[in-house]
Amino acid sequence: LTFFDTHYERDSDGRIRMNPAQALAAFPEAVNPLPDIAGLRYVATRVLADKIPVSKNGQNAAKRLLQQLPELPTRDIGGKKVLAPAERVFGEPKSTENPELHAVFPFRLYGVEKADIDVARGAFEARKNKRTGGAQPDAIQAAYLGLAAIARQYVVENLTAKPALRFPAFWGPNGDWTPDQTHGSVAAMALQSMLLQTDGQRILVAPAWPSDWDVEFKLYAAENTSVEGAIKGGKIERLKLSPDKRMSDVTRLDPQ
């Protein structure tokens, strides 16, 4: 927080101007990249909500940043406003990353039961790199956007991929190394996020779960909460939370 607060100059409107900067590895040269802005909004908001303990100076920096950050960059595609990798990028992408979707995951500003989800869904649909495997987070982002069919496709693709070596989960190299731990962890996180998501105090059950997948589960949410249940025939048949008082925070969503 202190770095971003002190490193960059402000524009004529008093907003931080991130230049020079880069949007992940995809765009080594960019102005006001979305991942940085989204990350700072997410972290600063959590600091001010006392979810991340920091010093008084850190709290003050968080307040200033939220007041002075530029808006998340957007662009127009087919008459629709969608998230953009940065306010301005130079050249073609140098990697398979989609920086604009960092506002969905890991910095969860958009998602199921959140405002303006179509701005993020439009960006997901228009993303340049549409794939899964290795560290590519499309499966997780699809789950957080409530896109059950795409999340399902990518999870199945990841978990049925043939390992490179004779051990069952030694996938790779997928552009990096063997074994590729990120390949399996993306699949596992996407699968669990299809079934359970949290947003502050709220617990979303089946936000991106396929209606023809029956499941019995026990997963963990924030604040030492366990969520146990069963979905059969496209219906949530059983749901138990511990502690019981957290049941009031649950939003049940219909499998798709």
C-alpha atoms as a PDB file:
ATOM      1  CA  LEU A   1       0.000   0.000   0.000  1.00  0.00           C
ATOM      2  CA  THR A   2       2.782   2.409   0.903  1.00  0.00           C
ATOM      3  CA  PHE A   3       4.628   1.655  -2.319  1.00  0.00           C
ATOM      4  CA  PHE A   4       1.672   2.488  -4.556  1.00  0.00           C
ATOM      5  CA  ASP A   5       0.774   5.476  -2.373  1.00  0.00           C
ATOM      6  CA  THR A   6       4.224   7.041  -2.755  1.00  0.00           C
ATOM      7  CA  HIS A   7       5.631   5.685  -6.025  1.00  0.00           C
ATOM      8  CA  TYR A   8       3.262   7.084  -8.650  1.00  0.00           C
ATOM      9  CA  GLU A   9       2.294  10.665  -9.421  1.00  0.00           C
ATOM     10  CA  ARG A  10      -1.301  11.894  -9.514  1.00  0.00           C
ATOM     11  CA  ASP A  11      -3.112  13.147 -12.613  1.00  0.00           C
ATOM     12  CA  SER A  12      -5.018  16.433 -12.905  1.00  0.00           C
ATOM     13  CA  ASP A  13      -8.014  14.850 -11.140  1.00  0.00           C
ATOM     14  CA  GLY A  14      -5.891  13.726  -8.193  1.00  0.00           C
ATOM     15  CA  ARG A  15      -5.998  10.074  -9.276  1.00  0.00           C
ATOM     16  CA  ILE A  16      -2.949   7.814  -9.158  1.00  0.00           C
ATOM     17  CA  ARG A  17      -1.435   7.435 -12.633  1.00  0.00           C
ATOM     18  CA  MET A  18       0.305   4.042 -12.906  1.00  0.00           C
ATOM     19  CA  ASN A  19       2.800   4.730 -15.658  1.00  0.00           C
ATOM     20  CA  PRO A  20       5.131   3.044 -16.433  1.00  0.00           C
ATOM     21  CA  ALA A  21       3.475  -0.216 -15.421  1.00  0.00           C
ATOM     22  CA  GLN A  22       2.569  -3.623 -16.829  1.00  0.00           C
ATOM     23  CA  ALA A  23      -0.528  -5.836 -16.937  1.00  0.00           C
ATOM     24  CA  LEU A  24       0.883  -9.140 -15.680  1.00  0.00           C
ATOM     25  CA  ALA A  25       3.242 -10.780 -18.182  1.00  0.00           C
ATOM     26  CA  ALA A  26       0.704 -10.298 -20.963  1.00  0.00           C
ATOM     27  CA  PHE A  27       1.442  -6.609 -21.531  1.00  0.00           C
ATOM     28  CA  PRO A  28       4.904  -5.530 -20.335  1.00  0.00           C
ATOM     29  CA  GLU A  29       3.973  -1.919 -21.111  1.00  0.00           C
ATOM     30  CA  ALA A  30       0.657  -0.558 -19.904  1.00  0.00           C
ATOM     31  CA  VAL A  31      -0.998   2.415 -18.231  1.00  0.00           C
ATOM     32  CA  ASN A  32      -3.265   1.850 -15.213  1.00  0.00           C
ATOM     33  CA  PRO A  33      -3.347  -1.963 -15.393  1.00  0.00           C
ATOM     34  CA  LEU A  34      -6.471  -3.635 -14.073  1.00  0.00           C
ATOM     35  CA  PRO A  35      -4.741  -6.280 -11.867  1.00  0.00           C
ATOM     36  CA  ASP A  36      -2.988  -3.565  -9.835  1.00  0.00           C
ATOM     37  CA  ILE A  37      -6.102  -1.414  -9.451  1.00  0.00           C
ATOM     38  CA  ALA A  38      -8.322  -4.396  -8.604  1.00  0.00           C
ATOM     39  CA  GLY A  39      -5.778  -5.773  -6.146  1.00  0.00           C
ATOM     40  CA  LEU A  40      -5.401  -2.459  -4.363  1.00  0.00           C
ATOM     41  CA  ARG A  41      -9.174  -1.986  -4.122  1.00  0.00           C
ATOM     42  CA  TYR A  42      -9.582  -5.498  -2.737  1.00  0.00           C
ATOM     43  CA  VAL A  43      -6.753  -5.257  -0.194  1.00  0.00           C
ATOM     44  CA  ALA A  44      -7.490  -1.682   0.919  1.00  0.00           C
ATOM     45  CA  THR A  45     -11.166  -2.505   1.447  1.00  0.00           C
ATOM     46  CA  ARG A  46     -10.245  -5.517   3.580  1.00  0.00           C
ATOM     47  CA  VAL A  47      -7.785  -3.402   5.582  1.00  0.00           C
ATOM     48  CA  LEU A  48     -10.469  -0.847   6.392  1.00  0.00           C
ATOM     49  CA  ALA A  49     -12.887  -3.637   7.325  1.00  0.00           C
ATOM     50  CA  ASP A  50     -10.295  -4.922   9.828  1.00  0.00           C
ATOM     51  CA  LYS A  51      -9.893  -8.163   7.893  1.00  0.00           C
ATOM     52  CA  ILE A  52      -6.153  -7.477   7.489  1.00  0.00           C
ATOM     53  CA  PRO A  53      -4.370  -6.096  10.575  1.00  0.00           C
ATOM     54  CA  VAL A  54      -2.041  -3.202   9.743  1.00  0.00           C
ATOM     55  CA  SER A  55      -0.596  -0.167  11.467  1.00  0.00           C
ATOM     56  CA  LYS A  56      -2.322   3.207  11.608  1.00  0.00           C
ATOM     57  CA  ASN A  57      -0.110   4.336   8.721  1.00  0.00           C
ATOM     58  CA  GLY A  58      -1.338   1.370   6.705  1.00  0.00           C
ATOM     59  CA  GLN A  59      -4.957   2.281   7.414  1.00  0.00           C
ATOM     60  CA  ASN A  60      -4.338   5.851   6.330  1.00  0.00           C
ATOM     61  CA  ALA A  61      -2.673   4.659   3.141  1.00  0.00           C
ATOM     62  CA  ALA A  62      -5.659   2.422   2.436  1.00  0.00           C
ATOM     63  CA  LYS A  63      -8.063   5.352   2.825  1.00  0.00           C
ATOM     64  CA  ARG A  64      -6.015   7.546   0.494  1.00  0.00           C
ATOM     65  CA  LEU A  65      -5.717   4.807  -2.103  1.00  0.00           C
ATOM     66  CA  LEU A  66      -9.438   4.123  -2.219  1.00  0.00           C
ATOM     67  CA  GLN A  67     -10.062   7.838  -2.751  1.00  0.00           C
ATOM     68  CA  GLN A  68      -7.321   8.259  -5.352  1.00  0.00           C
ATOM     69  CA  LEU A  69      -7.316   5.015  -7.337  1.00  0.00           C
ATOM     70  CA  PRO A  70      -8.391   5.244 -10.970  1.00  0.00           C
ATOM     71  CA  GLU A  71     -11.553   3.436 -12.008  1.00  0.00           C
ATOM     72  CA  LEU A  72     -11.231  -0.131 -13.213  1.00  0.00           C
ATOM     73  CA  PRO A  73     -10.473   0.077 -16.942  1.00  0.00           C
ATOM     74  CA  THR A  74     -13.219  -0.949 -19.350  1.00  0.00           C
ATOM     75  CA  ARG A  75     -13.727  -1.095 -23.091  1.00  0.00           C
ATOM     76  CA  ASP A  76     -16.656  -1.360 -25.479  1.00  0.00           C
ATOM     77  CA  ILE A  77     -17.219  -4.620 -27.354  1.00  0.00           C
ATOM     78  CA  GLY A  78     -20.285  -4.857 -29.548  1.00  0.00           C
ATOM     79  CA  GLY A  79     -21.957  -2.006 -27.698  1.00  0.00           C
ATOM     80  CA  LYS A  80     -21.360  -3.614 -24.299  1.00  0.00           C
ATOM     81  CA  LYS A  81     -19.065  -2.353 -21.562  1.00  0.00           C
ATOM     82  CA  VAL A  82     -16.618  -5.028 -20.396  1.00  0.00           C
ATOM     83  CA  LEU A  83     -13.487  -5.092 -18.257  1.00  0.00           C
ATOM     84  CA  ALA A  84     -10.204  -4.249 -20.002  1.00  0.00           C
ATOM     85  CA  PRO A  85      -6.596  -5.347 -19.258  1.00  0.00           C
ATOM     86  CA  ALA A  86      -5.549  -1.726 -18.665  1.00  0.00           C
ATOM     87  CA  GLU A  87      -6.483   1.810 -19.539  1.00  0.00           C
ATOM     88  CA  ARG A  88      -3.895   1.518 -22.322  1.00  0.00           C
ATOM     89  CA  VAL A  89      -1.695  -1.331 -23.513  1.00  0.00           C
ATOM     90  CA  PHE A  90       1.112  -1.420 -26.048  1.00  0.00           C
ATOM     91  CA  GLY A  91       1.608  -4.262 -28.508  1.00  0.00           C
ATOM     92  CA  GLU A  92       0.178  -7.756 -28.597  1.00  0.00           C
ATOM     93  CA  PRO A  93      -0.065  -9.990 -25.491  1.00  0.00           C
ATOM     94  CA  LYS A  94       3.141 -11.818 -24.575  1.00  0.00           C
ATOM     95  CA  SER A  95       1.484 -14.592 -22.545  1.00  0.00           C
ATOM     96  CA  THR A  96      -1.768 -16.554 -22.255  1.00  0.00           C
ATOM     97  CA  GLU A  97      -2.981 -14.524 -19.280  1.00  0.00           C
ATOM     98  CA  ASN A  98      -6.200 -12.490 -19.331  1.00  0.00           C
ATOM     99  CA  PRO A  99      -5.391  -9.573 -16.972  1.00  0.00           C
ATOM    100  CA  GLU A 100      -8.906  -8.126 -17.082  1.00  0.00           C
ATOM    101  CA  LEU A 101     -10.291 -11.176 -15.277  1.00  0.00           C
ATOM    102  CA  HIS A 102      -8.176 -10.601 -12.176  1.00  0.00           C
ATOM    103  CA  ALA A 103     -11.124  -8.510 -10.971  1.00  0.00           C
ATOM    104  CA  VAL A 104     -13.027 -11.833 -10.762  1.00  0.00           C
ATOM    105  CA  PHE A 105     -10.234 -13.971  -9.329  1.00  0.00           C
ATOM    106  CA  PRO A 106      -8.061 -13.601  -7.339  1.00  0.00           C
ATOM    107  CA  PHE A 107      -9.434 -10.122  -6.498  1.00  0.00           C
ATOM    108  CA  ARG A 108     -13.135 -10.850  -6.179  1.00  0.00           C
ATOM    109  CA  LEU A 109     -14.768  -7.564  -7.108  1.00  0.00           C
ATOM    110  CA  TYR A 110     -17.206  -9.219  -9.529  1.00  0.00           C
ATOM    111  CA  GLY A 111     -19.053 -12.503  -9.181  1.00  0.00           C
ATOM    112  CA  VAL A 112     -22.247 -14.365  -8.357  1.00  0.00           C
ATOM    113  CA  GLU A 113     -24.745 -12.207  -6.460  1.00  0.00           C
ATOM    114  CA  LYS A 114     -22.553  -9.108  -6.973  1.00  0.00           C
ATOM    115  CA  ALA A 115     -23.378  -5.934  -8.883  1.00  0.00           C
ATOM    116  CA  ASP A 116     -22.603  -5.467 -12.593  1.00  0.00           C
ATOM    117  CA  ILE A 117     -21.690  -9.111 -13.136  1.00  0.00           C
ATOM    118  CA  ASP A 118     -22.401  -8.714 -16.879  1.00  0.00           C
ATOM    119  CA  VAL A 119     -19.380  -6.397 -17.180  1.00  0.00           C
ATOM    120  CA  ALA A 120     -17.205  -9.300 -16.016  1.00  0.00           C
ATOM    121  CA  ARG A 121     -19.101 -12.019 -17.885  1.00  0.00           C
ATOM    122  CA  GLY A 122     -18.716 -10.007 -21.071  1.00  0.00           C
ATOM    123  CA  ALA A 123     -14.975  -9.784 -20.476  1.00  0.00           C
ATOM    124  CA  PHE A 124     -14.805 -13.530 -19.866  1.00  0.00           C
ATOM    125  CA  GLU A 125     -16.664 -14.224 -23.103  1.00  0.00           C
ATOM    126  CA  ALA A 126     -14.426 -11.836 -25.040  1.00  0.00           C
ATOM    127  CA  ARG A 127     -11.121 -12.946 -23.479  1.00  0.00           C
ATOM    128  CA  LYS A 128      -8.365 -13.551 -25.985  1.00  0.00           C
ATOM    129  CA  ASN A 129      -7.012 -16.734 -24.401  1.00  0.00           C
ATOM    130  CA  LYS A 130      -9.728 -19.335 -23.833  1.00  0.00           C
ATOM    131  CA  ARG A 131      -8.165 -22.447 -22.372  1.00  0.00           C
ATOM    132  CA  THR A 132      -7.414 -24.455 -19.270  1.00  0.00           C
ATOM    133  CA  GLY A 133      -4.417 -26.401 -18.040  1.00  0.00           C
ATOM    134  CA  GLY A 134      -1.483 -25.558 -15.831  1.00  0.00           C
ATOM    135  CA  ALA A 135      -1.884 -22.263 -13.992  1.00  0.00           C
ATOM    136  CA  GLN A 136      -4.577 -20.925 -16.352  1.00  0.00           C
ATOM    137  CA  PRO A 137      -7.369 -19.812 -13.951  1.00  0.00           C
ATOM    138  CA  ASP A 138     -10.294 -19.789 -16.426  1.00  0.00           C
ATOM    139  CA  ALA A 139     -12.026 -22.669 -14.597  1.00  0.00           C
ATOM    140  CA  ILE A 140     -11.973 -20.795 -11.277  1.00  0.00           C
ATOM    141  CA  GLN A 141     -13.112 -17.552 -12.895  1.00  0.00           C
ATOM    142  CA  ALA A 142     -15.973 -19.375 -14.638  1.00  0.00           C
ATOM    143  CA  ALA A 143     -17.090 -20.768 -11.271  1.00  0.00           C
ATOM    144  CA  TYR A 144     -17.024 -17.330  -9.622  1.00  0.00           C
ATOM    145  CA  LEU A 145     -19.058 -15.936 -12.518  1.00  0.00           C
ATOM    146  CA  GLY A 146     -21.673 -18.667 -12.124  1.00  0.00           C
ATOM    147  CA  LEU A 147     -20.884 -20.207 -15.525  1.00  0.00           C
ATOM    148  CA  ALA A 148     -21.499 -23.817 -14.565  1.00  0.00           C
ATOM    149  CA  ALA A 149     -21.165 -25.392 -18.016  1.00  0.00           C
ATOM    150  CA  ILE A 150     -17.770 -23.833 -18.731  1.00  0.00           C
ATOM    151  CA  ALA A 151     -16.448 -24.517 -15.235  1.00  0.00           C
ATOM    152  CA  ARG A 152     -17.556 -28.123 -15.548  1.00  0.00           C
ATOM    153  CA  GLN A 153     -15.897 -28.534 -18.944  1.00  0.00           C
ATOM    154  CA  TYR A 154     -12.570 -27.177 -17.714  1.00  0.00           C
ATOM    155  CA  VAL A 155     -12.577 -29.122 -14.435  1.00  0.00           C
ATOM    156  CA  VAL A 156     -13.236 -32.387 -16.279  1.00  0.00           C
ATOM    157  CA  GLU A 157     -10.550 -31.531 -18.832  1.00  0.00           C
ATOM    158  CA  ASN A 158      -7.998 -30.826 -16.103  1.00  0.00           C
ATOM    159  CA  LEU A 159      -8.741 -33.873 -13.988  1.00  0.00           C
ATOM    160  CA  THR A 160      -8.824 -36.315 -16.904  1.00  0.00           C
ATOM    161  CA  ALA A 161      -5.618 -35.011 -18.497  1.00  0.00           C
ATOM    162  CA  LYS A 162      -3.029 -37.723 -18.936  1.00  0.00           C
ATOM    163  CA  PRO A 163      -0.071 -37.333 -16.544  1.00  0.00           C
ATOM    164  CA  ALA A 164       3.334 -36.777 -18.105  1.00  0.00           C
ATOM    165  CA  LEU A 165       4.928 -39.320 -15.765  1.00  0.00           C
ATOM    166  CA  ARG A 166       3.733 -42.647 -14.361  1.00  0.00           C
ATOM    167  CA  PHE A 167       2.353 -41.151 -11.144  1.00  0.00           C
ATOM    168  CA  PRO A 168      -1.377 -40.305 -11.298  1.00  0.00           C
ATOM    169  CA  ALA A 169      -1.151 -36.570 -10.555  1.00  0.00           C
ATOM    170  CA  PHE A 170       2.205 -35.779 -12.186  1.00  0.00           C
ATOM    171  CA  TRP A 171       0.810 -33.512 -14.890  1.00  0.00           C
ATOM    172  CA  GLY A 172       2.931 -31.156 -16.911  1.00  0.00           C
ATOM    173  CA  PRO A 173       4.990 -29.452 -17.920  1.00  0.00           C
ATOM    174  CA  ASN A 174       2.203 -27.134 -19.256  1.00  0.00           C
ATOM    175  CA  GLY A 175       4.782 -24.474 -20.044  1.00  0.00           C
ATOM    176  CA  ASP A 176       6.591 -24.731 -16.708  1.00  0.00           C
ATOM    177  CA  TRP A 177       7.636 -27.930 -14.919  1.00  0.00           C
ATOM    178  CA  THR A 178       6.751 -31.512 -14.083  1.00  0.00           C
ATOM    179  CA  PRO A 179       4.939 -32.223 -11.835  1.00  0.00           C
ATOM    180  CA  ASP A 180       2.733 -29.191 -12.401  1.00  0.00           C
ATOM    181  CA  GLN A 181       1.044 -28.590  -9.044  1.00  0.00           C
ATOM    182  CA  THR A 182      -0.928 -25.628 -10.386  1.00  0.00           C
ATOM    183  CA  HIS A 183      -2.795 -27.858 -12.847  1.00  0.00           C
ATOM    184  CA  GLY A 184      -4.350 -29.935 -10.093  1.00  0.00           C
ATOM    185  CA  SER A 185      -4.824 -27.060  -7.645  1.00  0.00           C
ATOM    186  CA  VAL A 186      -6.733 -24.988 -10.212  1.00  0.00           C
ATOM    187  CA  ALA A 187      -9.014 -27.954 -10.869  1.00  0.00           C
ATOM    188  CA  ALA A 188      -9.580 -28.599  -7.160  1.00  0.00           C
ATOM    189  CA  MET A 189     -10.259 -24.950  -6.356  1.00  0.00           C
ATOM    190  CA  ALA A 190     -12.598 -24.577  -9.328  1.00  0.00           C
ATOM    191  CA  LEU A 191     -14.538 -27.698  -8.340  1.00  0.00           C
ATOM    192  CA  GLN A 192     -14.972 -26.494  -4.762  1.00  0.00           C
ATOM    193  CA  SER A 193     -15.883 -22.972  -5.922  1.00  0.00           C
ATOM    194  CA  MET A 194     -18.609 -24.429  -8.131  1.00  0.00           C
ATOM    195  CA  LEU A 195     -20.107 -25.875  -4.965  1.00  0.00           C
ATOM    196  CA  LEU A 196     -19.341 -23.274  -2.294  1.00  0.00           C
ATOM    197  CA  GLN A 197     -18.300 -19.631  -2.291  1.00  0.00           C
ATOM    198  CA  THR A 198     -18.065 -17.014   0.436  1.00  0.00           C
ATOM    199  CA  ASP A 199     -18.415 -13.250   0.152  1.00  0.00           C
ATOM    200  CA  GLY A 200     -17.772 -11.562   3.465  1.00  0.00           C
ATOM    201  CA  GLN A 201     -20.273 -13.137   5.855  1.00  0.00           C
ATOM    202  CA  ARG A 202     -22.332 -14.638   3.050  1.00  0.00           C
ATOM    203  CA  ILE A 203     -22.078 -18.294   2.097  1.00  0.00           C
ATOM    204  CA  LEU A 204     -23.250 -19.233  -1.400  1.00  0.00           C
ATOM    205  CA  VAL A 205     -24.202 -22.875  -1.926  1.00  0.00           C
ATOM    206  CA  ALA A 206     -24.178 -24.315  -5.478  1.00  0.00           C
ATOM    207  CA  PRO A 207     -23.354 -21.018  -7.260  1.00  0.00           C
ATOM    208  CA  ALA A 208     -22.092 -22.868 -10.361  1.00  0.00           C
ATOM    209  CA  TRP A 209     -23.021 -26.518  -9.836  1.00  0.00           C
ATOM    210  CA  PRO A 210     -24.299 -28.651 -12.759  1.00  0.00           C
ATOM    211  CA  SER A 211     -27.850 -29.894 -12.179  1.00  0.00           C
ATOM    212  CA  ASP A 212     -27.015 -33.439 -13.331  1.00  0.00           C
ATOM    213  CA  TRP A 213     -24.114 -33.919 -10.903  1.00  0.00           C
ATOM    214  CA  ASP A 214     -25.139 -35.520  -7.602  1.00  0.00           C
ATOM    215  CA  VAL A 215     -22.772 -34.841  -4.734  1.00  0.00           C
ATOM    216  CA  GLU A 216     -22.283 -35.257  -1.002  1.00  0.00           C
ATOM    217  CA  PHE A 217     -19.833 -32.775   0.450  1.00  0.00           C
ATOM    218  CA  LYS A 218     -18.217 -31.235   3.484  1.00  0.00           C
ATOM    219  CA  LEU A 219     -16.306 -28.018   2.883  1.00  0.00           C
ATOM    220  CA  TYR A 220     -15.012 -25.179   5.020  1.00  0.00           C
ATOM    221  CA  ALA A 221     -15.873 -21.493   4.921  1.00  0.00           C
ATOM    222  CA  ALA A 222     -14.474 -18.528   6.802  1.00  0.00           C
ATOM    223  CA  GLU A 223     -14.803 -18.026  10.558  1.00  0.00           C
ATOM    224  CA  ASN A 224     -14.294 -21.688  11.461  1.00  0.00           C
ATOM    225  CA  THR A 225     -17.453 -22.726   9.638  1.00  0.00           C
ATOM    226  CA  SER A 226     -18.045 -26.144   8.113  1.00  0.00           C
ATOM    227  CA  VAL A 227     -20.699 -26.685   5.446  1.00  0.00           C
ATOM    228  CA  GLU A 228     -22.011 -30.210   4.903  1.00  0.00           C
ATOM    229  CA  GLY A 229     -24.739 -31.348   2.567  1.00  0.00           C
ATOM    230  CA  ALA A 230     -26.004 -33.240  -0.451  1.00  0.00           C
ATOM    231  CA  ILE A 231     -27.341 -32.306  -3.886  1.00  0.00           C
ATOM    232  CA  LYS A 232     -29.377 -34.866  -5.804  1.00  0.00           C
ATOM    233  CA  GLY A 233     -31.453 -34.527  -8.937  1.00  0.00           C
ATOM    234  CA  GLY A 234     -30.597 -30.846  -9.212  1.00  0.00           C
ATOM    235  CA  LYS A 235     -31.915 -30.039  -5.716  1.00  0.00           C
ATOM    236  CA  ILE A 236     -30.160 -29.259  -2.452  1.00  0.00           C
ATOM    237  CA  GLU A 237     -31.494 -32.088  -0.299  1.00  0.00           C
ATOM    238  CA  ARG A 238     -29.492 -31.616   2.870  1.00  0.00           C
ATOM    239  CA  LEU A 239     -27.519 -28.751   4.361  1.00  0.00           C
ATOM    240  CA  LYS A 240     -25.895 -28.509   7.769  1.00  0.00           C
ATOM    241  CA  LEU A 241     -23.642 -25.763   9.091  1.00  0.00           C
ATOM    242  CA  SER A 242     -21.453 -25.724  12.132  1.00  0.00           C
ATOM    243  CA  PRO A 243     -21.907 -23.475  14.044  1.00  0.00           C
ATOM    244  CA  ASP A 244     -25.665 -23.485  13.449  1.00  0.00           C
ATOM    245  CA  LYS A 245     -25.958 -19.694  13.706  1.00  0.00           C
ATOM    246  CA  ARG A 246     -24.186 -19.352  10.365  1.00  0.00           C
ATOM    247  CA  MET A 247     -27.217 -20.809   8.589  1.00  0.00           C
ATOM    248  CA  SER A 248     -28.658 -17.279   8.459  1.00  0.00           C
ATOM    249  CA  ASP A 249     -25.738 -16.278   6.208  1.00  0.00           C
ATOM    250  CA  VAL A 250     -26.496 -18.929   3.588  1.00  0.00           C
ATOM    251  CA  THR A 251     -27.822 -18.191   0.102  1.00  0.00           C
ATOM    252  CA  ARG A 252     -29.001 -21.337  -1.707  1.00  0.00           C
ATOM    253  CA  LEU A 253     -28.715 -21.201  -5.479  1.00  0.00           C
ATOM    254  CA  ASP A 254     -30.276 -23.665  -7.901  1.00  0.00           C
ATOM    255  CA  PRO A 255     -27.849 -26.028  -9.694  1.00  0.00           C
ATOM    256  CA  GLN A 256     -27.735 -25.181 -13.405  1.00  0.00           C
END
